[in-house]
């Protein structure tokens, strides 16, 4: 009997190690909140300080994996109806992961009765986002997506909003890079770019690279016109 007790106590540390490893490898289901408008969904994965996230949005489903407070979480859901993955965006915020998901069938312009195909899964995993909820009869506009500024495209579209920033970026680039021939030629439409083009012509003189980009009226053609003006 003493030997049996000793054997039993020796196995306890081994069992505790297995238990710890099991808990560490356990993947938890992430809680979801959602609200909708006639043309889009606003989905929130209610996890704080998410790291190592992986988000895969398709027209029929959403898959998410990530870590929060050293625990593994995942989402694997199928939508009730198709969505437009290419036109959707997401952003990882300090207290949650938020997504603006566009509906595919926009012609219908109707509210969905629920988010998921699986009713049972929706009851266990999905809650209404009452902060963003509006009744279908009271809808006056889309979601406030200011939290998603600078977010990532979910369908391989890159970072949304970069196109709109192009004009500002180009103007600042023209102001700071006046000596570059390629950039000066692109700025011929006036503003900072036009001034850069004039400075470029003076600096480059007879060099053809940047001057040639301004068309047949640059440098040589201007010099040819000068005698005619003096004669008249």
C-alpha atoms as a PDB file:
ATOM      1  CA  UNK A   1       0.000   0.000   0.000  1.00  0.00           C
ATOM      2  CA  UNK A   2       2.721   2.595   0.759  1.00  0.00           C
ATOM      3  CA  UNK A   3       4.185   1.920  -2.665  1.00  0.00           C
ATOM      4  CA  UNK A   4       0.840   2.564  -4.295  1.00  0.00           C
ATOM      5  CA  UNK A   5       0.504   5.915  -2.513  1.00  0.00           C
ATOM      6  CA  UNK A   6       3.948   6.984  -3.663  1.00  0.00           C
ATOM      7  CA  UNK A   7       3.154   6.055  -7.255  1.00  0.00           C
ATOM      8  CA  UNK A   8      -0.065   8.055  -7.081  1.00  0.00           C
ATOM      9  CA  UNK A   9       1.664  11.173  -5.807  1.00  0.00           C
ATOM     10  CA  UNK A  10       4.342  10.902  -8.491  1.00  0.00           C
ATOM     11  CA  UNK A  11       1.749  11.017 -11.268  1.00  0.00           C
ATOM     12  CA  UNK A  12       0.085  14.208 -10.010  1.00  0.00           C
ATOM     13  CA  UNK A  13       2.744  16.635 -11.360  1.00  0.00           C
ATOM     14  CA  UNK A  14       2.488  14.961 -14.750  1.00  0.00           C
ATOM     15  CA  UNK A  15      -1.285  15.370 -14.795  1.00  0.00           C
ATOM     16  CA  UNK A  16      -1.024  19.041 -13.812  1.00  0.00           C
ATOM     17  CA  UNK A  17       1.354  19.689 -16.718  1.00  0.00           C
ATOM     18  CA  UNK A  18      -1.090  18.092 -19.151  1.00  0.00           C
ATOM     19  CA  UNK A  19      -3.905  20.183 -17.736  1.00  0.00           C
ATOM     20  CA  UNK A  20      -1.924  23.402 -18.185  1.00  0.00           C
ATOM     21  CA  UNK A  21      -1.001  22.546 -21.760  1.00  0.00           C
ATOM     22  CA  UNK A  22      -4.617  21.745 -22.542  1.00  0.00           C
ATOM     23  CA  UNK A  23      -5.796  25.101 -21.205  1.00  0.00           C
ATOM     24  CA  UNK A  24      -3.103  26.974 -23.123  1.00  0.00           C
ATOM     25  CA  UNK A  25      -3.977  25.255 -26.404  1.00  0.00           C
ATOM     26  CA  UNK A  26      -7.723  25.730 -25.991  1.00  0.00           C
ATOM     27  CA  UNK A  27      -9.251  28.076 -28.564  1.00  0.00           C
ATOM     28  CA  UNK A  28     -12.080  30.258 -27.335  1.00  0.00           C
ATOM     29  CA  UNK A  29     -14.975  31.576 -29.369  1.00  0.00           C
ATOM     30  CA  UNK A  30     -14.836  35.346 -29.715  1.00  0.00           C
ATOM     31  CA  UNK A  31     -18.004  37.294 -28.866  1.00  0.00           C
ATOM     32  CA  UNK A  32     -19.618  39.241 -31.711  1.00  0.00           C
ATOM     33  CA  UNK A  33     -21.838  42.317 -31.764  1.00  0.00           C
ATOM     34  CA  UNK A  34     -23.592  43.555 -34.885  1.00  0.00           C
ATOM     35  CA  UNK A  35     -25.881  46.236 -36.260  1.00  0.00           C
ATOM     36  CA  UNK A  36     -27.061  46.949 -39.785  1.00  0.00           C
ATOM     37  CA  UNK A  37     -28.290  49.475 -42.285  1.00  0.00           C
ATOM     38  CA  UNK A  38     -30.019  48.758 -45.577  1.00  0.00           C
ATOM     39  CA  UNK A  39     -26.674  48.638 -47.425  1.00  0.00           C
ATOM     40  CA  UNK A  40     -24.172  47.416 -44.827  1.00  0.00           C
ATOM     41  CA  UNK A  41     -23.325  45.641 -41.570  1.00  0.00           C
ATOM     42  CA  UNK A  42     -21.209  46.833 -38.654  1.00  0.00           C
ATOM     43  CA  UNK A  43     -19.568  43.869 -36.924  1.00  0.00           C
ATOM     44  CA  UNK A  44     -17.543  44.136 -33.725  1.00  0.00           C
ATOM     45  CA  UNK A  45     -15.374  41.370 -32.273  1.00  0.00           C
ATOM     46  CA  UNK A  46     -15.455  42.327 -28.607  1.00  0.00           C
ATOM     47  CA  UNK A  47     -11.875  41.525 -27.610  1.00  0.00           C
ATOM     48  CA  UNK A  48      -9.348  43.976 -26.147  1.00  0.00           C
ATOM     49  CA  UNK A  49      -5.707  44.328 -27.236  1.00  0.00           C
ATOM     50  CA  UNK A  50      -5.951  41.799 -30.051  1.00  0.00           C
ATOM     51  CA  UNK A  51      -2.604  40.611 -31.416  1.00  0.00           C
ATOM     52  CA  UNK A  52      -1.501  38.255 -34.195  1.00  0.00           C
ATOM     53  CA  UNK A  53      -4.887  38.663 -35.819  1.00  0.00           C
ATOM     54  CA  UNK A  54      -5.863  36.867 -38.996  1.00  0.00           C
ATOM     55  CA  UNK A  55      -9.064  38.000 -40.708  1.00  0.00           C
ATOM     56  CA  UNK A  56     -10.494  36.318 -43.788  1.00  0.00           C
ATOM     57  CA  UNK A  57     -13.710  37.812 -45.124  1.00  0.00           C
ATOM     58  CA  UNK A  58     -15.375  36.113 -48.080  1.00  0.00           C
ATOM     59  CA  UNK A  59     -18.710  36.859 -49.677  1.00  0.00           C
ATOM     60  CA  UNK A  60     -20.303  34.039 -47.699  1.00  0.00           C
ATOM     61  CA  UNK A  61     -18.305  33.836 -44.459  1.00  0.00           C
ATOM     62  CA  UNK A  62     -15.986  35.441 -41.913  1.00  0.00           C
ATOM     63  CA  UNK A  63     -13.030  33.743 -40.248  1.00  0.00           C
ATOM     64  CA  UNK A  64     -10.994  35.366 -37.517  1.00  0.00           C
ATOM     65  CA  UNK A  65      -8.127  34.234 -35.315  1.00  0.00           C
ATOM     66  CA  UNK A  66      -6.235  36.267 -32.752  1.00  0.00           C
ATOM     67  CA  UNK A  67      -4.834  36.555 -29.246  1.00  0.00           C
ATOM     68  CA  UNK A  68      -6.287  38.603 -26.406  1.00  0.00           C
ATOM     69  CA  UNK A  69      -4.845  38.504 -22.893  1.00  0.00           C
ATOM     70  CA  UNK A  70      -2.673  35.509 -23.874  1.00  0.00           C
ATOM     71  CA  UNK A  71      -5.703  33.487 -24.925  1.00  0.00           C
ATOM     72  CA  UNK A  72      -6.498  32.201 -28.392  1.00  0.00           C
ATOM     73  CA  UNK A  73      -9.802  33.251 -29.952  1.00  0.00           C
ATOM     74  CA  UNK A  74     -11.494  32.486 -33.217  1.00  0.00           C
ATOM     75  CA  UNK A  75     -14.606  33.234 -35.257  1.00  0.00           C
ATOM     76  CA  UNK A  76     -15.939  31.013 -38.033  1.00  0.00           C
ATOM     77  CA  UNK A  77     -19.356  32.121 -39.218  1.00  0.00           C
ATOM     78  CA  UNK A  78     -21.481  31.918 -42.378  1.00  0.00           C
ATOM     79  CA  UNK A  79     -23.602  34.958 -43.223  1.00  0.00           C
ATOM     80  CA  UNK A  80     -27.323  34.730 -43.818  1.00  0.00           C
ATOM     81  CA  UNK A  81     -26.861  36.428 -47.198  1.00  0.00           C
ATOM     82  CA  UNK A  82     -23.845  37.306 -49.387  1.00  0.00           C
ATOM     83  CA  UNK A  83     -21.680  40.335 -48.593  1.00  0.00           C
ATOM     84  CA  UNK A  84     -19.265  42.389 -50.687  1.00  0.00           C
ATOM     85  CA  UNK A  85     -15.848  41.436 -49.327  1.00  0.00           C
ATOM     86  CA  UNK A  86     -13.982  43.751 -51.705  1.00  0.00           C
ATOM     87  CA  UNK A  87     -15.830  46.835 -50.517  1.00  0.00           C
ATOM     88  CA  UNK A  88     -15.484  46.118 -46.791  1.00  0.00           C
ATOM     89  CA  UNK A  89     -12.950  47.380 -44.246  1.00  0.00           C
ATOM     90  CA  UNK A  90     -11.746  46.583 -40.739  1.00  0.00           C
ATOM     91  CA  UNK A  91      -9.520  48.046 -38.051  1.00  0.00           C
ATOM     92  CA  UNK A  92      -7.974  46.635 -34.865  1.00  0.00           C
ATOM     93  CA  UNK A  93      -8.757  49.082 -32.052  1.00  0.00           C
ATOM     94  CA  UNK A  94      -7.563  48.958 -28.426  1.00  0.00           C
ATOM     95  CA  UNK A  95     -10.819  47.502 -27.137  1.00  0.00           C
ATOM     96  CA  UNK A  96     -12.189  45.622 -30.146  1.00  0.00           C
ATOM     97  CA  UNK A  97     -11.873  44.683 -33.802  1.00  0.00           C
ATOM     98  CA  UNK A  98     -14.443  46.608 -35.854  1.00  0.00           C
ATOM     99  CA  UNK A  99     -15.611  45.876 -39.394  1.00  0.00           C
ATOM    100  CA  UNK A 100     -17.795  47.721 -41.866  1.00  0.00           C
ATOM    101  CA  UNK A 101     -19.113  45.024 -44.175  1.00  0.00           C
ATOM    102  CA  UNK A 102     -21.066  45.948 -47.293  1.00  0.00           C
ATOM    103  CA  UNK A 103     -24.100  43.923 -48.310  1.00  0.00           C
ATOM    104  CA  UNK A 104     -23.946  42.366 -51.741  1.00  0.00           C
ATOM    105  CA  UNK A 105     -27.617  42.533 -52.662  1.00  0.00           C
ATOM    106  CA  UNK A 106     -27.986  46.304 -52.342  1.00  0.00           C
ATOM    107  CA  UNK A 107     -30.930  46.451 -54.725  1.00  0.00           C
ATOM    108  CA  UNK A 108     -33.142  44.832 -52.122  1.00  0.00           C
ATOM    109  CA  UNK A 109     -32.400  47.551 -49.526  1.00  0.00           C
ATOM    110  CA  UNK A 110     -33.935  45.581 -46.704  1.00  0.00           C
ATOM    111  CA  UNK A 111     -32.823  44.642 -43.223  1.00  0.00           C
ATOM    112  CA  UNK A 112     -31.718  41.082 -42.515  1.00  0.00           C
ATOM    113  CA  UNK A 113     -33.729  39.159 -39.922  1.00  0.00           C
ATOM    114  CA  UNK A 114     -30.439  37.924 -38.430  1.00  0.00           C
ATOM    115  CA  UNK A 115     -26.691  37.867 -39.141  1.00  0.00           C
ATOM    116  CA  UNK A 116     -25.950  34.146 -39.500  1.00  0.00           C
ATOM    117  CA  UNK A 117     -27.411  31.227 -41.362  1.00  0.00           C
ATOM    118  CA  UNK A 118     -27.167  29.106 -38.214  1.00  0.00           C
ATOM    119  CA  UNK A 119     -29.834  30.289 -35.764  1.00  0.00           C
ATOM    120  CA  UNK A 120     -28.435  28.286 -32.859  1.00  0.00           C
ATOM    121  CA  UNK A 121     -24.926  29.666 -33.344  1.00  0.00           C
ATOM    122  CA  UNK A 122     -26.280  33.187 -33.498  1.00  0.00           C
ATOM    123  CA  UNK A 123     -28.057  32.793 -30.156  1.00  0.00           C
ATOM    124  CA  UNK A 124     -24.842  31.600 -28.478  1.00  0.00           C
ATOM    125  CA  UNK A 125     -22.280  33.857 -30.127  1.00  0.00           C
ATOM    126  CA  UNK A 126     -23.910  37.003 -31.525  1.00  0.00           C
ATOM    127  CA  UNK A 127     -25.476  39.964 -29.746  1.00  0.00           C
ATOM    128  CA  UNK A 128     -27.098  43.140 -31.033  1.00  0.00           C
ATOM    129  CA  UNK A 129     -24.893  46.235 -30.936  1.00  0.00           C
ATOM    130  CA  UNK A 130     -27.440  48.528 -29.302  1.00  0.00           C
ATOM    131  CA  UNK A 131     -25.127  51.552 -29.569  1.00  0.00           C
ATOM    132  CA  UNK A 132     -25.390  51.384 -33.377  1.00  0.00           C
ATOM    133  CA  UNK A 133     -28.829  49.823 -33.704  1.00  0.00           C
ATOM    134  CA  UNK A 134     -31.642  51.596 -35.554  1.00  0.00           C
ATOM    135  CA  UNK A 135     -35.029  50.304 -36.526  1.00  0.00           C
ATOM    136  CA  UNK A 136     -35.574  49.731 -40.231  1.00  0.00           C
ATOM    137  CA  UNK A 137     -38.341  52.334 -40.295  1.00  0.00           C
ATOM    138  CA  UNK A 138     -36.117  54.915 -38.581  1.00  0.00           C
ATOM    139  CA  UNK A 139     -33.013  54.632 -40.737  1.00  0.00           C
ATOM    140  CA  UNK A 140     -31.772  58.069 -41.761  1.00  0.00           C
ATOM    141  CA  UNK A 141     -28.241  57.351 -42.963  1.00  0.00           C
ATOM    142  CA  UNK A 142     -25.282  55.013 -42.883  1.00  0.00           C
ATOM    143  CA  UNK A 143     -22.924  54.151 -40.050  1.00  0.00           C
ATOM    144  CA  UNK A 144     -20.428  56.533 -38.515  1.00  0.00           C
ATOM    145  CA  UNK A 145     -17.226  54.873 -39.751  1.00  0.00           C
ATOM    146  CA  UNK A 146     -14.785  57.445 -38.351  1.00  0.00           C
ATOM    147  CA  UNK A 147     -13.307  54.728 -36.103  1.00  0.00           C
ATOM    148  CA  UNK A 148     -12.210  52.873 -39.230  1.00  0.00           C
ATOM    149  CA  UNK A 149     -10.236  55.725 -40.805  1.00  0.00           C
ATOM    150  CA  UNK A 150      -6.940  54.281 -42.022  1.00  0.00           C
ATOM    151  CA  UNK A 151      -8.247  50.744 -41.685  1.00  0.00           C
ATOM    152  CA  UNK A 152      -7.470  47.783 -43.889  1.00  0.00           C
ATOM    153  CA  UNK A 153      -9.399  46.505 -46.872  1.00  0.00           C
ATOM    154  CA  UNK A 154     -10.771  43.021 -46.282  1.00  0.00           C
ATOM    155  CA  UNK A 155     -11.027  41.715 -49.819  1.00  0.00           C
ATOM    156  CA  UNK A 156      -7.479  42.328 -51.027  1.00  0.00           C
ATOM    157  CA  UNK A 157      -8.188  45.995 -51.670  1.00  0.00           C
ATOM    158  CA  UNK A 158      -5.345  47.377 -49.536  1.00  0.00           C
ATOM    159  CA  UNK A 159      -5.852  50.405 -47.321  1.00  0.00           C
ATOM    160  CA  UNK A 160      -9.041  52.349 -48.073  1.00  0.00           C
ATOM    161  CA  UNK A 161      -8.895  56.107 -48.338  1.00  0.00           C
ATOM    162  CA  UNK A 162      -5.425  56.275 -49.889  1.00  0.00           C
ATOM    163  CA  UNK A 163      -6.839  57.446 -53.211  1.00  0.00           C
ATOM    164  CA  UNK A 164      -8.426  60.486 -51.643  1.00  0.00           C
ATOM    165  CA  UNK A 165      -5.120  61.471 -50.041  1.00  0.00           C
ATOM    166  CA  UNK A 166      -3.249  61.415 -53.329  1.00  0.00           C
ATOM    167  CA  UNK A 167      -3.805  65.075 -54.156  1.00  0.00           C
ATOM    168  CA  UNK A 168      -2.458  66.264 -50.829  1.00  0.00           C
ATOM    169  CA  UNK A 169       0.469  63.918 -50.959  1.00  0.00           C
ATOM    170  CA  UNK A 170       1.364  65.021 -54.476  1.00  0.00           C
ATOM    171  CA  UNK A 171       1.300  68.701 -53.543  1.00  0.00           C
ATOM    172  CA  UNK A 172       3.594  68.169 -50.590  1.00  0.00           C
ATOM    173  CA  UNK A 173       5.906  66.026 -52.687  1.00  0.00           C
ATOM    174  CA  UNK A 174       6.144  68.787 -55.297  1.00  0.00           C
ATOM    175  CA  UNK A 175       7.038  71.317 -52.635  1.00  0.00           C
ATOM    176  CA  UNK A 176       9.789  69.174 -51.161  1.00  0.00           C
ATOM    177  CA  UNK A 177      11.215  67.580 -54.282  1.00  0.00           C
ATOM    178  CA  UNK A 178      11.399  70.432 -56.779  1.00  0.00           C
ATOM    179  CA  UNK A 179      14.755  69.243 -58.147  1.00  0.00           C
ATOM    180  CA  UNK A 180      13.414  65.911 -59.414  1.00  0.00           C
ATOM    181  CA  UNK A 181      12.604  66.048 -63.110  1.00  0.00           C
ATOM    182  CA  UNK A 182       9.940  63.362 -63.097  1.00  0.00           C
ATOM    183  CA  UNK A 183       7.956  64.978 -60.307  1.00  0.00           C
ATOM    184  CA  UNK A 184       8.226  68.443 -61.885  1.00  0.00           C
ATOM    185  CA  UNK A 185       6.709  67.216 -65.129  1.00  0.00           C
ATOM    186  CA  UNK A 186       3.773  65.712 -63.278  1.00  0.00           C
ATOM    187  CA  UNK A 187       3.019  69.047 -61.621  1.00  0.00           C
ATOM    188  CA  UNK A 188       2.399  71.020 -64.811  1.00  0.00           C
ATOM    189  CA  UNK A 189      -1.258  71.565 -63.907  1.00  0.00           C
ATOM    190  CA  UNK A 190      -0.461  74.603 -61.763  1.00  0.00           C
ATOM    191  CA  UNK A 191      -0.073  75.045 -58.016  1.00  0.00           C
ATOM    192  CA  UNK A 192       3.203  73.960 -56.410  1.00  0.00           C
ATOM    193  CA  UNK A 193       3.948  71.702 -59.356  1.00  0.00           C
ATOM    194  CA  UNK A 194       3.937  74.598 -61.836  1.00  0.00           C
ATOM    195  CA  UNK A 195       6.458  76.584 -59.811  1.00  0.00           C
ATOM    196  CA  UNK A 196       8.665  73.542 -59.563  1.00  0.00           C
ATOM    197  CA  UNK A 197       8.615  73.187 -63.328  1.00  0.00           C
ATOM    198  CA  UNK A 198       9.914  76.710 -63.852  1.00  0.00           C
ATOM    199  CA  UNK A 199      12.699  76.214 -61.335  1.00  0.00           C
ATOM    200  CA  UNK A 200      13.535  72.918 -62.970  1.00  0.00           C
ATOM    201  CA  UNK A 201      13.968  74.517 -66.385  1.00  0.00           C
ATOM    202  CA  UNK A 202      16.426  77.043 -64.986  1.00  0.00           C
ATOM    203  CA  UNK A 203      18.430  74.391 -63.158  1.00  0.00           C
ATOM    204  CA  UNK A 204      18.608  71.834 -65.934  1.00  0.00           C
ATOM    205  CA  UNK A 205      19.418  74.228 -68.782  1.00  0.00           C
ATOM    206  CA  UNK A 206      20.105  72.277 -71.941  1.00  0.00           C
ATOM    207  CA  UNK A 207      19.481  68.846 -70.367  1.00  0.00           C
ATOM    208  CA  UNK A 208      16.542  67.167 -72.088  1.00  0.00           C
ATOM    209  CA  UNK A 209      15.253  64.738 -69.403  1.00  0.00           C
ATOM    210  CA  UNK A 210      12.740  66.722 -67.359  1.00  0.00           C
ATOM    211  CA  UNK A 211      12.319  69.535 -69.874  1.00  0.00           C
ATOM    212  CA  UNK A 212      11.172  67.200 -72.613  1.00  0.00           C
ATOM    213  CA  UNK A 213       8.295  66.063 -70.490  1.00  0.00           C
ATOM    214  CA  UNK A 214       6.671  69.485 -70.714  1.00  0.00           C
ATOM    215  CA  UNK A 215       5.910  69.117 -74.426  1.00  0.00           C
ATOM    216  CA  UNK A 216       7.034  70.995 -77.574  1.00  0.00           C
ATOM    217  CA  UNK A 217       6.628  74.465 -76.018  1.00  0.00           C
ATOM    218  CA  UNK A 218       9.516  74.055 -73.536  1.00  0.00           C
ATOM    219  CA  UNK A 219      13.110  75.461 -73.690  1.00  0.00           C
ATOM    220  CA  UNK A 220      14.172  75.147 -77.388  1.00  0.00           C
ATOM    221  CA  UNK A 221      10.838  76.221 -78.840  1.00  0.00           C
ATOM    222  CA  UNK A 222      10.738  79.224 -76.486  1.00  0.00           C
ATOM    223  CA  UNK A 223      14.233  80.288 -77.624  1.00  0.00           C
ATOM    224  CA  UNK A 224      13.201  80.029 -81.284  1.00  0.00           C
ATOM    225  CA  UNK A 225      10.279  82.358 -80.683  1.00  0.00           C
ATOM    226  CA  UNK A 226      12.405  85.157 -79.126  1.00  0.00           C
ATOM    227  CA  UNK A 227      13.916  86.589 -82.392  1.00  0.00           C
ATOM    228  CA  UNK A 228      10.465  86.837 -83.964  1.00  0.00           C
ATOM    229  CA  UNK A 229       9.215  88.895 -81.035  1.00  0.00           C
ATOM    230  CA  UNK A 230      12.162  91.303 -81.306  1.00  0.00           C
ATOM    231  CA  UNK A 231      11.716  91.769 -85.087  1.00  0.00           C
ATOM    232  CA  UNK A 232       8.086  92.697 -84.665  1.00  0.00           C
END
